[in-house]
Amino acid sequence: MREADRTTRRRIREFLSDEPATPSALAARFDLTPEAAMRHVEHVAHSVEGNGEQLLVAPPSCRECGFDGFDDLLNRPSRCPECKSESVDEPTFTIE
């Protein structure tokens, strides 16, 4: 199947099966905004459940205090709830 014949979600799913990626990395790779990439990942998460695969999420973490207890893993937090730092790493997604 040619690259152009596959949907963006299918290409994201195949990409995440090969290697982990952040929303920004997916956005750059597939010419999307990070927000659009997150919406696609949410849909991909639902589609892989029935196939014996699962979407794994390494949570976002604060580079200042190390906090990683964010309650919404499919979110790009703008600041740390503990120390209020805006130095927060994005979540990382992979499919296994």
Protein backbone atom coordinates (compact mmCIF):
# COMPACT_ATOMS: atom_id res chain seq x y z
CA MET A 1 0.00 0.00 0.00
CA ARG A 2 1.35 3.38 -0.98
CA GLU A 3 2.02 6.04 1.68
CA ALA A 4 -0.59 8.34 0.14
CA ASP A 5 -3.25 5.61 0.31
CA ARG A 6 -3.02 5.21 4.09
CA THR A 7 -4.85 7.49 6.50
CA THR A 8 -2.96 9.71 8.90
CA ARG A 9 -4.15 7.61 11.84
CA ARG A 10 -2.97 4.42 10.20
CA ARG A 11 0.43 5.97 9.48
CA ILE A 12 0.68 7.22 13.10
CA ARG A 13 -0.26 3.77 14.37
CA GLU A 14 2.41 2.11 12.22
CA PHE A 15 4.98 4.71 13.26
CA LEU A 16 4.24 4.23 16.98
CA SER A 17 4.52 0.46 16.53
CA ASP A 18 8.10 0.99 15.36
CA GLU A 19 9.29 3.70 17.75
CA PRO A 20 8.12 5.96 20.59
CA ALA A 21 7.23 9.57 19.85
CA THR A 22 5.99 12.74 21.52
CA PRO A 23 3.08 14.84 20.19
CA SER A 24 5.55 17.37 18.79
CA ALA A 25 7.54 14.66 17.01
CA LEU A 26 4.35 13.22 15.49
CA ALA A 27 3.25 16.71 14.47
CA ALA A 28 6.52 17.36 12.68
CA ARG A 29 6.58 13.94 11.02
CA PHE A 30 2.98 14.05 9.75
CA ASP A 31 2.63 17.80 9.13
CA LEU A 32 0.09 18.37 11.91
CA THR A 33 -0.26 20.59 14.93
CA PRO A 34 0.64 18.91 18.25
CA GLU A 35 -3.04 19.21 19.25
CA ALA A 36 -4.16 17.40 16.08
CA ALA A 37 -1.53 14.72 16.69
CA MET A 38 -2.95 14.21 20.20
CA ARG A 39 -6.48 13.80 18.81
CA HIS A 40 -5.21 11.20 16.34
CA VAL A 41 -3.38 9.35 19.13
CA GLU A 42 -6.59 9.23 21.18
CA HIS A 43 -8.38 7.53 18.29
CA VAL A 44 -5.45 5.20 17.67
CA ALA A 45 -5.58 4.16 21.34
CA HIS A 46 -9.18 3.00 20.90
CA SER A 47 -8.47 1.12 17.68
CA VAL A 48 -5.50 -0.87 19.00
CA GLU A 49 -7.40 -2.17 22.04
CA GLY A 50 -9.31 -4.76 20.01
CA ASN A 51 -6.21 -6.05 18.22
CA GLY A 52 -4.27 -7.36 21.19
CA GLU A 53 -2.04 -4.28 21.16
CA GLN A 54 -1.98 -1.39 23.57
CA LEU A 55 -0.93 2.23 23.54
CA LEU A 56 1.69 2.81 26.22
CA VAL A 57 2.19 6.32 27.55
CA ALA A 58 5.28 7.57 29.36
CA PRO A 59 3.76 10.42 31.36
CA PRO A 60 4.85 14.02 31.07
CA SER A 61 7.37 15.03 33.70
CA CYS A 62 8.62 18.26 35.18
CA ARG A 63 12.28 18.95 34.44
CA GLU A 64 12.57 21.11 37.58
CA CYS A 65 11.11 18.95 40.36
CA GLY A 66 10.59 15.58 38.64
CA PHE A 67 6.83 15.48 39.18
CA ASP A 68 5.19 12.91 36.90
CA GLY A 69 1.83 12.35 38.56
CA PHE A 70 -0.23 14.12 35.93
CA ASP A 71 -3.79 12.79 35.92
CA ASP A 72 -4.43 13.09 32.18
CA LEU A 73 -1.70 11.24 30.30
CA LEU A 74 -3.10 12.24 26.90
CA ASN A 75 -2.50 15.90 27.58
CA ARG A 76 0.35 18.32 27.06
CA PRO A 77 0.51 20.18 30.38
CA SER A 78 1.71 23.76 30.23
CA ARG A 79 3.03 23.85 33.78
CA CYS A 80 3.81 21.63 36.74
CA PRO A 81 1.09 21.56 39.43
CA GLU A 82 3.74 21.10 42.13
CA CYS A 83 6.38 23.74 41.46
CA LYS A 84 4.53 25.78 38.77
CA SER A 85 7.50 25.46 36.39
CA GLU A 86 6.72 25.62 32.69
CA SER A 87 9.59 23.25 31.99
CA VAL A 88 7.49 20.12 31.43
CA ASP A 89 8.41 17.31 29.05
CA GLU A 90 5.71 15.97 26.76
CA PRO A 91 4.22 12.49 27.13
CA THR A 92 5.76 9.82 24.92
CA PHE A 93 3.64 7.24 23.09
CA THR A 94 4.40 3.78 21.75
CA ILE A 95 2.34 0.76 20.70
CA GLU A 96 3.18 -2.76 21.83
